[in-house]
């Protein structure tokens, strides 16, 4: 095992709160140095899994391993993990320097080494010179950087992040996403990140475990999860998509496709895969433009097909074709391989 990183394994972990099952025979292997995100809606079990890994909660059954060591019975302070909370959880009476130094002092690291490591870590999160300040004198983004510095200064083998960016505005979230990616490359620490924001998950992760009802619906790379969702739930949750249901053959024929194979319950068509300039071998259909919406770098067209099916089509504003008017009938299409079959 490389210093500063460790694999993590959830082995048949279940957690019940009375009659409510939060985790159901949850299994997940995380490689050393991997950045993995537990993604899902509220109540999916992602925070419960993180709390069990951190030691803030106990599994009803099953075991959790950090490296080769079973940690299910250990208190949080014995697990050697870093934690970044949504609420920052900084000590208000301590300076920035003392907040970041706290985990090193708990480990009885010598004073000169503490100063060196804290100053280096503050520089890495772009807070060099902020050591004497108190948290109250910092912006929200700066406080989150301090929380991140405190979590990584001891170079833990596993770093846990629980909705750590959700309290920040969009611009700050994007800046800190870049910061987290850079720090992960720098330290190589195994990161388990919890969020309900699929955009964050797609940006940050090596792999994403999309959860629902205490289980993993699909575990995959961001690209595979987006392009090849395994179910209707995954397709709907990750990004924006059009669902063409199979229970009405008129919808299938309206988009220019033949009947789908048995057991396919729907097709997923991403809005950006639709085009008003289909190629010779593309599937084609006619539709009426119901609405045209400006979305910054893109324009979204809301289309109504002959069957009554509504589709969204997203195209760059730099496109060669002039925008259609509401009520206009247009011809559109897509490459056949871009229609993803959904089996449940």
C-alpha atoms as a PDB file:
ATOM      1  CA  UNK A   1       0.000   0.000   0.000  1.00  0.00           C
ATOM      2  CA  UNK A   2       1.359   3.438  -0.914  1.00  0.00           C
ATOM      3  CA  UNK A   3       1.789   5.880   1.966  1.00  0.00           C
ATOM      4  CA  UNK A   4      -1.014   8.442   2.120  1.00  0.00           C
ATOM      5  CA  UNK A   5      -3.675   6.299   0.487  1.00  0.00           C
ATOM      6  CA  UNK A   6      -5.657   3.165   1.292  1.00  0.00           C
ATOM      7  CA  UNK A   7      -8.365   1.077  -0.327  1.00  0.00           C
ATOM      8  CA  UNK A   8     -11.819   0.988   1.265  1.00  0.00           C
ATOM      9  CA  UNK A   9     -14.285  -1.895   1.270  1.00  0.00           C
ATOM     10  CA  UNK A  10     -17.913  -2.102   2.345  1.00  0.00           C
ATOM     11  CA  UNK A  11     -18.757  -5.776   2.801  1.00  0.00           C
ATOM     12  CA  UNK A  12     -22.488  -6.590   2.978  1.00  0.00           C
ATOM     13  CA  UNK A  13     -23.224  -3.540   5.125  1.00  0.00           C
ATOM     14  CA  UNK A  14     -26.820  -3.015   6.254  1.00  0.00           C
ATOM     15  CA  UNK A  15     -28.238  -0.310   8.502  1.00  0.00           C
ATOM     16  CA  UNK A  16     -31.793  -0.117   9.778  1.00  0.00           C
ATOM     17  CA  UNK A  17     -33.498   2.559  11.859  1.00  0.00           C
ATOM     18  CA  UNK A  18     -36.485   0.688  13.229  1.00  0.00           C
ATOM     19  CA  UNK A  19     -38.522  -0.383  10.219  1.00  0.00           C
ATOM     20  CA  UNK A  20     -36.607   1.941   7.867  1.00  0.00           C
ATOM     21  CA  UNK A  21     -33.776   0.275   5.925  1.00  0.00           C
ATOM     22  CA  UNK A  22     -31.157   2.927   5.121  1.00  0.00           C
ATOM     23  CA  UNK A  23     -28.558   0.519   3.670  1.00  0.00           C
ATOM     24  CA  UNK A  24     -29.414  -2.893   2.291  1.00  0.00           C
ATOM     25  CA  UNK A  25     -26.530  -5.389   1.926  1.00  0.00           C
ATOM     26  CA  UNK A  26     -24.323  -2.584   0.613  1.00  0.00           C
ATOM     27  CA  UNK A  27     -21.109  -3.705  -1.099  1.00  0.00           C
ATOM     28  CA  UNK A  28     -18.493  -1.383  -2.581  1.00  0.00           C
ATOM     29  CA  UNK A  29     -14.764  -1.705  -3.289  1.00  0.00           C
ATOM     30  CA  UNK A  30     -12.802   1.559  -3.591  1.00  0.00           C
ATOM     31  CA  UNK A  31      -9.250   1.467  -4.931  1.00  0.00           C
ATOM     32  CA  UNK A  32      -6.372   3.191  -3.148  1.00  0.00           C
ATOM     33  CA  UNK A  33      -6.078   6.761  -4.438  1.00  0.00           C
ATOM     34  CA  UNK A  34      -9.474   6.675  -6.158  1.00  0.00           C
ATOM     35  CA  UNK A  35     -11.933   9.568  -6.036  1.00  0.00           C
ATOM     36  CA  UNK A  36     -15.353   7.995  -5.727  1.00  0.00           C
ATOM     37  CA  UNK A  37     -18.670   9.762  -5.244  1.00  0.00           C
ATOM     38  CA  UNK A  38     -21.757   8.421  -3.513  1.00  0.00           C
ATOM     39  CA  UNK A  39     -24.529  10.156  -5.433  1.00  0.00           C
ATOM     40  CA  UNK A  40     -28.263   9.957  -5.021  1.00  0.00           C
ATOM     41  CA  UNK A  41     -31.447  11.680  -3.898  1.00  0.00           C
ATOM     42  CA  UNK A  42     -32.280  12.396  -0.273  1.00  0.00           C
ATOM     43  CA  UNK A  43     -32.873   9.167   1.616  1.00  0.00           C
ATOM     44  CA  UNK A  44     -30.834   7.026  -0.770  1.00  0.00           C
ATOM     45  CA  UNK A  45     -28.374   5.951   1.963  1.00  0.00           C
ATOM     46  CA  UNK A  46     -25.264   7.802   0.811  1.00  0.00           C
ATOM     47  CA  UNK A  47     -24.722   9.799   4.023  1.00  0.00           C
ATOM     48  CA  UNK A  48     -25.449   6.721   6.133  1.00  0.00           C
ATOM     49  CA  UNK A  49     -22.697   4.856   4.271  1.00  0.00           C
ATOM     50  CA  UNK A  50     -20.274   7.753   4.834  1.00  0.00           C
ATOM     51  CA  UNK A  51     -21.144   7.995   8.541  1.00  0.00           C
ATOM     52  CA  UNK A  52     -20.524   4.276   8.981  1.00  0.00           C
ATOM     53  CA  UNK A  53     -17.156   4.612   7.243  1.00  0.00           C
ATOM     54  CA  UNK A  54     -16.263   7.631   9.403  1.00  0.00           C
ATOM     55  CA  UNK A  55     -17.295   5.871  12.618  1.00  0.00           C
ATOM     56  CA  UNK A  56     -20.163   8.248  13.444  1.00  0.00           C
ATOM     57  CA  UNK A  57     -22.640   5.371  13.066  1.00  0.00           C
ATOM     58  CA  UNK A  58     -22.552   1.601  13.407  1.00  0.00           C
ATOM     59  CA  UNK A  59     -23.744  -0.881  10.801  1.00  0.00           C
ATOM     60  CA  UNK A  60     -26.572  -3.217  11.780  1.00  0.00           C
ATOM     61  CA  UNK A  61     -24.643  -5.958   9.996  1.00  0.00           C
ATOM     62  CA  UNK A  62     -21.640  -6.286   7.705  1.00  0.00           C
ATOM     63  CA  UNK A  63     -18.149  -4.806   7.976  1.00  0.00           C
ATOM     64  CA  UNK A  64     -16.096  -1.878   6.679  1.00  0.00           C
ATOM     65  CA  UNK A  65     -12.384  -2.140   5.897  1.00  0.00           C
ATOM     66  CA  UNK A  66      -9.769   0.588   5.479  1.00  0.00           C
ATOM     67  CA  UNK A  67      -6.814  -1.145   3.919  1.00  0.00           C
ATOM     68  CA  UNK A  68      -6.829  -4.653   5.363  1.00  0.00           C
ATOM     69  CA  UNK A  69      -8.097  -3.516   8.773  1.00  0.00           C
ATOM     70  CA  UNK A  70     -11.716  -4.000   9.841  1.00  0.00           C
ATOM     71  CA  UNK A  71     -12.790  -0.689  11.400  1.00  0.00           C
ATOM     72  CA  UNK A  72     -16.466  -1.286  12.212  1.00  0.00           C
ATOM     73  CA  UNK A  73     -15.818  -1.461  15.955  1.00  0.00           C
ATOM     74  CA  UNK A  74     -13.306   1.429  16.084  1.00  0.00           C
ATOM     75  CA  UNK A  75     -14.210   4.980  17.218  1.00  0.00           C
ATOM     76  CA  UNK A  76     -13.718   7.785  14.663  1.00  0.00           C
ATOM     77  CA  UNK A  77     -10.409   8.963  16.110  1.00  0.00           C
ATOM     78  CA  UNK A  78      -8.874   5.516  15.639  1.00  0.00           C
ATOM     79  CA  UNK A  79      -9.670   5.275  11.907  1.00  0.00           C
ATOM     80  CA  UNK A  80      -7.148   7.832  10.632  1.00  0.00           C
ATOM     81  CA  UNK A  81      -9.517   9.480   8.144  1.00  0.00           C
ATOM     82  CA  UNK A  82      -9.931  13.153   7.276  1.00  0.00           C
ATOM     83  CA  UNK A  83     -13.405  14.688   7.189  1.00  0.00           C
ATOM     84  CA  UNK A  84     -14.764  17.819   5.495  1.00  0.00           C
ATOM     85  CA  UNK A  85     -18.269  18.719   6.669  1.00  0.00           C
ATOM     86  CA  UNK A  86     -20.976  20.730   4.933  1.00  0.00           C
ATOM     87  CA  UNK A  87     -21.052  23.189   7.864  1.00  0.00           C
ATOM     88  CA  UNK A  88     -17.237  23.743   7.832  1.00  0.00           C
ATOM     89  CA  UNK A  89     -17.121  22.839  11.593  1.00  0.00           C
ATOM     90  CA  UNK A  90     -14.231  25.223  12.290  1.00  0.00           C
ATOM     91  CA  UNK A  91     -13.326  26.253  15.845  1.00  0.00           C
ATOM     92  CA  UNK A  92     -14.410  29.922  16.000  1.00  0.00           C
ATOM     93  CA  UNK A  93     -12.091  30.804  18.914  1.00  0.00           C
ATOM     94  CA  UNK A  94      -9.005  29.497  17.059  1.00  0.00           C
ATOM     95  CA  UNK A  95      -7.043  31.184  14.308  1.00  0.00           C
ATOM     96  CA  UNK A  96      -6.871  29.710  10.835  1.00  0.00           C
ATOM     97  CA  UNK A  97      -3.401  28.391  11.667  1.00  0.00           C
ATOM     98  CA  UNK A  98      -4.589  26.680  14.863  1.00  0.00           C
ATOM     99  CA  UNK A  99      -7.632  25.185  13.111  1.00  0.00           C
ATOM    100  CA  UNK A 100      -5.415  23.587  10.485  1.00  0.00           C
ATOM    101  CA  UNK A 101      -2.814  22.559  13.053  1.00  0.00           C
ATOM    102  CA  UNK A 102      -5.360  20.864  15.327  1.00  0.00           C
ATOM    103  CA  UNK A 103      -5.153  17.313  13.871  1.00  0.00           C
ATOM    104  CA  UNK A 104      -1.340  17.497  13.944  1.00  0.00           C
ATOM    105  CA  UNK A 105      -1.331  18.569  17.597  1.00  0.00           C
ATOM    106  CA  UNK A 106      -3.685  15.670  18.402  1.00  0.00           C
ATOM    107  CA  UNK A 107      -1.064  13.374  16.831  1.00  0.00           C
ATOM    108  CA  UNK A 108       1.697  15.039  18.893  1.00  0.00           C
ATOM    109  CA  UNK A 109       3.640  16.171  15.824  1.00  0.00           C
ATOM    110  CA  UNK A 110       6.647  18.331  16.826  1.00  0.00           C
ATOM    111  CA  UNK A 111       6.081  22.096  16.731  1.00  0.00           C
ATOM    112  CA  UNK A 112       8.528  22.999  13.906  1.00  0.00           C
ATOM    113  CA  UNK A 113       7.017  20.305  11.680  1.00  0.00           C
ATOM    114  CA  UNK A 114       3.504  21.536  12.486  1.00  0.00           C
ATOM    115  CA  UNK A 115       4.402  25.048  11.326  1.00  0.00           C
ATOM    116  CA  UNK A 116       5.999  23.773   8.151  1.00  0.00           C
ATOM    117  CA  UNK A 117       3.100  21.491   7.245  1.00  0.00           C
ATOM    118  CA  UNK A 118       0.385  24.015   8.073  1.00  0.00           C
ATOM    119  CA  UNK A 119       2.037  26.797   6.075  1.00  0.00           C
ATOM    120  CA  UNK A 120       2.567  24.471   3.109  1.00  0.00           C
ATOM    121  CA  UNK A 121      -1.048  23.297   3.209  1.00  0.00           C
ATOM    122  CA  UNK A 122      -2.437  26.842   3.494  1.00  0.00           C
ATOM    123  CA  UNK A 123      -0.371  27.794   0.479  1.00  0.00           C
ATOM    124  CA  UNK A 124      -1.779  24.818  -1.434  1.00  0.00           C
ATOM    125  CA  UNK A 125      -5.361  25.981  -0.790  1.00  0.00           C
ATOM    126  CA  UNK A 126      -4.391  29.554  -1.726  1.00  0.00           C
ATOM    127  CA  UNK A 127      -4.618  30.922   1.825  1.00  0.00           C
ATOM    128  CA  UNK A 128      -0.955  31.778   2.421  1.00  0.00           C
ATOM    129  CA  UNK A 129      -0.775  34.606   4.975  1.00  0.00           C
ATOM    130  CA  UNK A 130      -4.250  33.931   6.391  1.00  0.00           C
ATOM    131  CA  UNK A 131      -2.935  31.974   9.398  1.00  0.00           C
ATOM    132  CA  UNK A 132      -3.515  34.694  12.080  1.00  0.00           C
ATOM    133  CA  UNK A 133      -7.140  35.377  11.068  1.00  0.00           C
ATOM    134  CA  UNK A 134     -10.221  33.992  12.777  1.00  0.00           C
ATOM    135  CA  UNK A 135     -12.887  32.077  10.776  1.00  0.00           C
ATOM    136  CA  UNK A 136     -15.426  34.895  11.316  1.00  0.00           C
ATOM    137  CA  UNK A 137     -13.190  37.209   9.241  1.00  0.00           C
ATOM    138  CA  UNK A 138     -13.290  34.881   6.224  1.00  0.00           C
ATOM    139  CA  UNK A 139     -15.741  34.433   3.371  1.00  0.00           C
ATOM    140  CA  UNK A 140     -17.676  31.190   2.978  1.00  0.00           C
ATOM    141  CA  UNK A 141     -15.322  29.971   0.292  1.00  0.00           C
ATOM    142  CA  UNK A 142     -12.273  30.775   2.408  1.00  0.00           C
ATOM    143  CA  UNK A 143     -13.741  28.949   5.413  1.00  0.00           C
ATOM    144  CA  UNK A 144     -14.318  25.900   3.262  1.00  0.00           C
ATOM    145  CA  UNK A 145     -10.697  26.059   2.110  1.00  0.00           C
ATOM    146  CA  UNK A 146      -9.608  26.101   5.759  1.00  0.00           C
ATOM    147  CA  UNK A 147     -11.793  23.061   6.438  1.00  0.00           C
ATOM    148  CA  UNK A 148     -10.233  21.319   3.451  1.00  0.00           C
ATOM    149  CA  UNK A 149      -6.711  22.236   4.625  1.00  0.00           C
ATOM    150  CA  UNK A 150      -7.427  20.896   8.120  1.00  0.00           C
ATOM    151  CA  UNK A 151      -8.677  17.618   6.630  1.00  0.00           C
ATOM    152  CA  UNK A 152      -5.621  17.030   4.413  1.00  0.00           C
ATOM    153  CA  UNK A 153      -2.782  18.470   6.516  1.00  0.00           C
ATOM    154  CA  UNK A 154      -2.182  15.137   8.267  1.00  0.00           C
ATOM    155  CA  UNK A 155      -2.232  13.356   4.879  1.00  0.00           C
ATOM    156  CA  UNK A 156      -4.836  10.772   5.931  1.00  0.00           C
ATOM    157  CA  UNK A 157      -5.106   7.611   3.819  1.00  0.00           C
ATOM    158  CA  UNK A 158      -8.835   8.317   3.310  1.00  0.00           C
ATOM    159  CA  UNK A 159     -10.587  11.682   2.997  1.00  0.00           C
ATOM    160  CA  UNK A 160     -14.366  11.884   3.481  1.00  0.00           C
ATOM    161  CA  UNK A 161     -16.417  14.810   2.179  1.00  0.00           C
ATOM    162  CA  UNK A 162     -20.093  15.190   3.073  1.00  0.00           C
ATOM    163  CA  UNK A 163     -21.984  17.664   0.858  1.00  0.00           C
ATOM    164  CA  UNK A 164     -18.939  19.877   1.364  1.00  0.00           C
ATOM    165  CA  UNK A 165     -19.727  22.436  -1.345  1.00  0.00           C
ATOM    166  CA  UNK A 166     -23.512  22.634  -1.167  1.00  0.00           C
ATOM    167  CA  UNK A 167     -23.589  25.764   1.020  1.00  0.00           C
ATOM    168  CA  UNK A 168     -21.598  27.809  -1.518  1.00  0.00           C
ATOM    169  CA  UNK A 169     -22.782  29.751  -4.534  1.00  0.00           C
ATOM    170  CA  UNK A 170     -22.225  28.395  -8.038  1.00  0.00           C
ATOM    171  CA  UNK A 171     -19.012  30.288  -8.846  1.00  0.00           C
ATOM    172  CA  UNK A 172     -17.373  29.330  -5.539  1.00  0.00           C
ATOM    173  CA  UNK A 173     -18.454  25.705  -5.963  1.00  0.00           C
ATOM    174  CA  UNK A 174     -16.816  25.562  -9.379  1.00  0.00           C
ATOM    175  CA  UNK A 175     -13.609  27.160  -8.061  1.00  0.00           C
ATOM    176  CA  UNK A 176     -13.419  24.717  -5.175  1.00  0.00           C
ATOM    177  CA  UNK A 177     -14.116  21.782  -7.478  1.00  0.00           C
ATOM    178  CA  UNK A 178     -10.958  22.733  -9.367  1.00  0.00           C
ATOM    179  CA  UNK A 179      -9.132  23.072  -6.034  1.00  0.00           C
ATOM    180  CA  UNK A 180     -10.262  19.640  -4.870  1.00  0.00           C
ATOM    181  CA  UNK A 181      -9.218  18.019  -8.152  1.00  0.00           C
ATOM    182  CA  UNK A 182      -5.778  19.632  -7.867  1.00  0.00           C
ATOM    183  CA  UNK A 183      -5.342  18.591  -4.229  1.00  0.00           C
ATOM    184  CA  UNK A 184      -6.373  15.043  -5.054  1.00  0.00           C
ATOM    185  CA  UNK A 185      -3.694  14.890  -7.736  1.00  0.00           C
ATOM    186  CA  UNK A 186      -1.182  16.367  -5.286  1.00  0.00           C
ATOM    187  CA  UNK A 187      -1.855  14.069  -2.321  1.00  0.00           C
ATOM    188  CA  UNK A 188      -3.211  10.979  -4.082  1.00  0.00           C
ATOM    189  CA  UNK A 189      -5.495  10.361  -1.093  1.00  0.00           C
ATOM    190  CA  UNK A 190      -8.470   8.035  -1.430  1.00  0.00           C
ATOM    191  CA  UNK A 191     -11.541  10.324  -1.471  1.00  0.00           C
ATOM    192  CA  UNK A 192     -15.137   9.341  -0.714  1.00  0.00           C
ATOM    193  CA  UNK A 193     -17.369  12.262  -1.639  1.00  0.00           C
ATOM    194  CA  UNK A 194     -21.103  12.465  -0.891  1.00  0.00           C
ATOM    195  CA  UNK A 195     -23.394  14.743  -2.883  1.00  0.00           C
ATOM    196  CA  UNK A 196     -26.862  14.963  -4.396  1.00  0.00           C
ATOM    197  CA  UNK A 197     -25.500  17.257  -7.140  1.00  0.00           C
ATOM    198  CA  UNK A 198     -24.897  15.184 -10.267  1.00  0.00           C
ATOM    199  CA  UNK A 199     -22.877  17.998 -11.890  1.00  0.00           C
ATOM    200  CA  UNK A 200     -20.366  17.894  -9.026  1.00  0.00           C
ATOM    201  CA  UNK A 201     -20.172  14.124  -9.246  1.00  0.00           C
ATOM    202  CA  UNK A 202     -19.524  14.155 -12.992  1.00  0.00           C
ATOM    203  CA  UNK A 203     -16.808  16.819 -12.622  1.00  0.00           C
ATOM    204  CA  UNK A 204     -14.864  15.368  -9.692  1.00  0.00           C
ATOM    205  CA  UNK A 205     -15.125  11.589  -9.738  1.00  0.00           C
ATOM    206  CA  UNK A 206     -13.082   8.702 -11.063  1.00  0.00           C
ATOM    207  CA  UNK A 207     -16.193   6.585 -10.489  1.00  0.00           C
ATOM    208  CA  UNK A 208     -19.712   7.301  -9.263  1.00  0.00           C
ATOM    209  CA  UNK A 209     -21.893   4.988  -7.175  1.00  0.00           C
ATOM    210  CA  UNK A 210     -25.440   6.131  -7.929  1.00  0.00           C
ATOM    211  CA  UNK A 211     -27.637   5.062  -5.020  1.00  0.00           C
ATOM    212  CA  UNK A 212     -31.341   4.676  -4.372  1.00  0.00           C
ATOM    213  CA  UNK A 213     -33.197   3.001  -1.494  1.00  0.00           C
ATOM    214  CA  UNK A 214     -29.986   1.903   0.214  1.00  0.00           C
ATOM    215  CA  UNK A 215     -28.419   0.107  -2.750  1.00  0.00           C
ATOM    216  CA  UNK A 216     -26.189   0.965  -5.710  1.00  0.00           C
ATOM    217  CA  UNK A 217     -28.150   1.273  -8.951  1.00  0.00           C
ATOM    218  CA  UNK A 218     -25.052   1.680 -11.106  1.00  0.00           C
ATOM    219  CA  UNK A 219     -21.325   1.979 -10.372  1.00  0.00           C
ATOM    220  CA  UNK A 220     -19.385   3.416 -13.293  1.00  0.00           C
ATOM    221  CA  UNK A 221     -17.168   6.169 -14.646  1.00  0.00           C
ATOM    222  CA  UNK A 222     -18.866   9.546 -15.172  1.00  0.00           C
ATOM    223  CA  UNK A 223     -18.760   9.107 -18.960  1.00  0.00           C
ATOM    224  CA  UNK A 224     -20.227   5.605 -18.903  1.00  0.00           C
ATOM    225  CA  UNK A 225     -22.905   6.610 -16.400  1.00  0.00           C
ATOM    226  CA  UNK A 226     -23.949   9.526 -18.612  1.00  0.00           C
ATOM    227  CA  UNK A 227     -23.739   7.799 -21.974  1.00  0.00           C
ATOM    228  CA  UNK A 228     -24.867   4.295 -21.021  1.00  0.00           C
ATOM    229  CA  UNK A 229     -27.310   4.484 -18.097  1.00  0.00           C
ATOM    230  CA  UNK A 230     -28.435   1.052 -16.928  1.00  0.00           C
ATOM    231  CA  UNK A 231     -31.982   2.057 -16.017  1.00  0.00           C
ATOM    232  CA  UNK A 232     -34.600   4.739 -16.398  1.00  0.00           C
ATOM    233  CA  UNK A 233     -33.792   6.021 -12.897  1.00  0.00           C
ATOM    234  CA  UNK A 234     -30.114   6.465 -13.796  1.00  0.00           C
ATOM    235  CA  UNK A 235     -30.897   8.136 -17.124  1.00  0.00           C
ATOM    236  CA  UNK A 236     -33.329  10.536 -15.455  1.00  0.00           C
ATOM    237  CA  UNK A 237     -31.052  11.369 -12.523  1.00  0.00           C
ATOM    238  CA  UNK A 238     -27.781  11.924 -14.416  1.00  0.00           C
ATOM    239  CA  UNK A 239     -27.952  15.021 -16.577  1.00  0.00           C
ATOM    240  CA  UNK A 240     -31.024  15.877 -18.618  1.00  0.00           C
ATOM    241  CA  UNK A 241     -32.573  13.439 -21.009  1.00  0.00           C
ATOM    242  CA  UNK A 242     -35.654  12.601 -23.053  1.00  0.00           C
ATOM    243  CA  UNK A 243     -37.418   9.368 -22.150  1.00  0.00           C
ATOM    244  CA  UNK A 244     -39.260   7.670 -25.014  1.00  0.00           C
ATOM    245  CA  UNK A 245     -41.564   5.094 -23.369  1.00  0.00           C
ATOM    246  CA  UNK A 246     -42.094   1.737 -25.006  1.00  0.00           C
ATOM    247  CA  UNK A 247     -45.647   1.234 -23.768  1.00  0.00           C
ATOM    248  CA  UNK A 248     -47.010   3.179 -26.741  1.00  0.00           C
ATOM    249  CA  UNK A 249     -45.656   2.165 -30.147  1.00  0.00           C
ATOM    250  CA  UNK A 250     -46.699   5.514 -31.620  1.00  0.00           C
ATOM    251  CA  UNK A 251     -43.924   7.279 -29.691  1.00  0.00           C
ATOM    252  CA  UNK A 252     -41.282   4.912 -31.086  1.00  0.00           C
ATOM    253  CA  UNK A 253     -42.435   5.340 -34.660  1.00  0.00           C
ATOM    254  CA  UNK A 254     -42.797   9.124 -34.183  1.00  0.00           C
ATOM    255  CA  UNK A 255     -39.063   9.446 -33.522  1.00  0.00           C
ATOM    256  CA  UNK A 256     -38.303   7.321 -36.592  1.00  0.00           C
ATOM    257  CA  UNK A 257     -37.385   4.062 -34.859  1.00  0.00           C
ATOM    258  CA  UNK A 258     -38.620   0.505 -35.257  1.00  0.00           C
ATOM    259  CA  UNK A 259     -40.102  -1.463 -32.372  1.00  0.00           C
ATOM    260  CA  UNK A 260     -37.599  -1.933 -29.546  1.00  0.00           C
ATOM    261  CA  UNK A 261     -36.350  -5.384 -28.484  1.00  0.00           C
ATOM    262  CA  UNK A 262     -38.228  -7.312 -25.800  1.00  0.00           C
ATOM    263  CA  UNK A 263     -37.660  -6.162 -22.196  1.00  0.00           C
ATOM    264  CA  UNK A 264     -36.683  -2.624 -23.251  1.00  0.00           C
ATOM    265  CA  UNK A 265     -39.050  -0.362 -21.306  1.00  0.00           C
ATOM    266  CA  UNK A 266     -37.883   2.995 -22.696  1.00  0.00           C
ATOM    267  CA  UNK A 267     -35.231   4.804 -24.712  1.00  0.00           C
ATOM    268  CA  UNK A 268     -33.045   7.644 -23.442  1.00  0.00           C
ATOM    269  CA  UNK A 269     -32.166  10.467 -25.834  1.00  0.00           C
ATOM    270  CA  UNK A 270     -29.916  13.245 -24.529  1.00  0.00           C
ATOM    271  CA  UNK A 271     -31.059  16.717 -25.721  1.00  0.00           C
ATOM    272  CA  UNK A 272     -27.611  17.544 -27.143  1.00  0.00           C
ATOM    273  CA  UNK A 273     -27.706  14.385 -29.308  1.00  0.00           C
ATOM    274  CA  UNK A 274     -30.667  15.738 -31.284  1.00  0.00           C
ATOM    275  CA  UNK A 275     -29.835  17.913 -34.265  1.00  0.00           C
ATOM    276  CA  UNK A 276     -31.518  19.897 -37.026  1.00  0.00           C
ATOM    277  CA  UNK A 277     -28.740  18.763 -39.372  1.00  0.00           C
ATOM    278  CA  UNK A 278     -29.018  14.952 -39.309  1.00  0.00           C
ATOM    279  CA  UNK A 279     -26.600  12.919 -41.407  1.00  0.00           C
ATOM    280  CA  UNK A 280     -27.653  10.599 -44.247  1.00  0.00           C
ATOM    281  CA  UNK A 281     -27.750   7.536 -41.997  1.00  0.00           C
ATOM    282  CA  UNK A 282     -29.354   9.254 -38.990  1.00  0.00           C
ATOM    283  CA  UNK A 283     -32.873   8.637 -37.739  1.00  0.00           C
ATOM    284  CA  UNK A 284     -35.176  11.504 -38.754  1.00  0.00           C
ATOM    285  CA  UNK A 285     -38.519  12.866 -37.565  1.00  0.00           C
ATOM    286  CA  UNK A 286     -40.717  15.951 -37.893  1.00  0.00           C
ATOM    287  CA  UNK A 287     -41.795  18.014 -34.914  1.00  0.00           C
ATOM    288  CA  UNK A 288     -43.505  21.281 -34.030  1.00  0.00           C
ATOM    289  CA  UNK A 289     -41.539  23.829 -32.015  1.00  0.00           C
ATOM    290  CA  UNK A 290     -43.458  24.620 -28.834  1.00  0.00           C
ATOM    291  CA  UNK A 291     -40.873  26.846 -27.162  1.00  0.00           C
ATOM    292  CA  UNK A 292     -37.389  28.313 -27.636  1.00  0.00           C
ATOM    293  CA  UNK A 293     -35.400  28.974 -24.431  1.00  0.00           C
ATOM    294  CA  UNK A 294     -32.130  30.867 -24.050  1.00  0.00           C
ATOM    295  CA  UNK A 295     -29.674  29.015 -21.747  1.00  0.00           C
ATOM    296  CA  UNK A 296     -26.465  31.002 -22.133  1.00  0.00           C
ATOM    297  CA  UNK A 297     -24.082  28.998 -24.329  1.00  0.00           C
ATOM    298  CA  UNK A 298     -26.947  26.875 -25.667  1.00  0.00           C
ATOM    299  CA  UNK A 299     -30.509  27.242 -26.862  1.00  0.00           C
ATOM    300  CA  UNK A 300     -33.139  24.681 -25.926  1.00  0.00           C
ATOM    301  CA  UNK A 301     -35.994  23.837 -28.266  1.00  0.00           C
ATOM    302  CA  UNK A 302     -39.105  22.143 -26.899  1.00  0.00           C
ATOM    303  CA  UNK A 303     -40.516  19.899 -29.603  1.00  0.00           C
ATOM    304  CA  UNK A 304     -43.890  18.171 -29.942  1.00  0.00           C
ATOM    305  CA  UNK A 305     -44.076  15.069 -32.142  1.00  0.00           C
ATOM    306  CA  UNK A 306     -47.096  13.696 -33.979  1.00  0.00           C
ATOM    307  CA  UNK A 307     -47.711  11.172 -31.187  1.00  0.00           C
ATOM    308  CA  UNK A 308     -47.866  13.950 -28.578  1.00  0.00           C
ATOM    309  CA  UNK A 309     -44.425  13.078 -27.202  1.00  0.00           C
ATOM    310  CA  UNK A 310     -42.461  16.123 -26.017  1.00  0.00           C
ATOM    311  CA  UNK A 311     -38.695  16.260 -26.577  1.00  0.00           C
ATOM    312  CA  UNK A 312     -36.044  18.779 -25.567  1.00  0.00           C
ATOM    313  CA  UNK A 313     -33.275  19.561 -28.044  1.00  0.00           C
ATOM    314  CA  UNK A 314     -30.190  21.516 -26.982  1.00  0.00           C
ATOM    315  CA  UNK A 315     -27.940  23.158 -29.552  1.00  0.00           C
ATOM    316  CA  UNK A 316     -25.015  25.605 -29.344  1.00  0.00           C
ATOM    317  CA  UNK A 317     -25.844  29.226 -30.045  1.00  0.00           C
ATOM    318  CA  UNK A 318     -23.038  29.266 -32.590  1.00  0.00           C
ATOM    319  CA  UNK A 319     -24.970  26.865 -34.835  1.00  0.00           C
ATOM    320  CA  UNK A 320     -25.269  27.679 -38.530  1.00  0.00           C
ATOM    321  CA  UNK A 321     -29.067  27.396 -38.719  1.00  0.00           C
ATOM    322  CA  UNK A 322     -31.303  30.329 -37.709  1.00  0.00           C
ATOM    323  CA  UNK A 323     -33.544  29.703 -34.737  1.00  0.00           C
ATOM    324  CA  UNK A 324     -37.026  28.461 -35.625  1.00  0.00           C
ATOM    325  CA  UNK A 325     -40.127  30.291 -34.471  1.00  0.00           C
ATOM    326  CA  UNK A 326     -42.686  28.880 -32.058  1.00  0.00           C
ATOM    327  CA  UNK A 327     -45.278  26.900 -33.992  1.00  0.00           C
ATOM    328  CA  UNK A 328     -42.875  26.133 -36.859  1.00  0.00           C
ATOM    329  CA  UNK A 329     -42.503  22.536 -38.065  1.00  0.00           C
ATOM    330  CA  UNK A 330     -38.912  21.380 -38.332  1.00  0.00           C
ATOM    331  CA  UNK A 331     -37.043  18.241 -39.323  1.00  0.00           C
ATOM    332  CA  UNK A 332     -34.657  16.815 -36.725  1.00  0.00           C
ATOM    333  CA  UNK A 333     -32.777  13.610 -36.095  1.00  0.00           C
ATOM    334  CA  UNK A 334     -30.128  11.698 -34.185  1.00  0.00           C
ATOM    335  CA  UNK A 335     -27.605   8.925 -34.677  1.00  0.00           C
ATOM    336  CA  UNK A 336     -29.182   5.546 -33.993  1.00  0.00           C
ATOM    337  CA  UNK A 337     -26.450   4.571 -31.504  1.00  0.00           C
ATOM    338  CA  UNK A 338     -27.291   7.621 -29.374  1.00  0.00           C
ATOM    339  CA  UNK A 339     -30.665   6.129 -28.393  1.00  0.00           C
ATOM    340  CA  UNK A 340     -29.866   4.174 -25.222  1.00  0.00           C
ATOM    341  CA  UNK A 341     -32.118   1.202 -24.384  1.00  0.00           C
ATOM    342  CA  UNK A 342     -33.389   1.132 -20.804  1.00  0.00           C
ATOM    343  CA  UNK A 343     -34.378  -2.212 -19.351  1.00  0.00           C
ATOM    344  CA  UNK A 344     -35.979  -1.178 -16.065  1.00  0.00           C
END
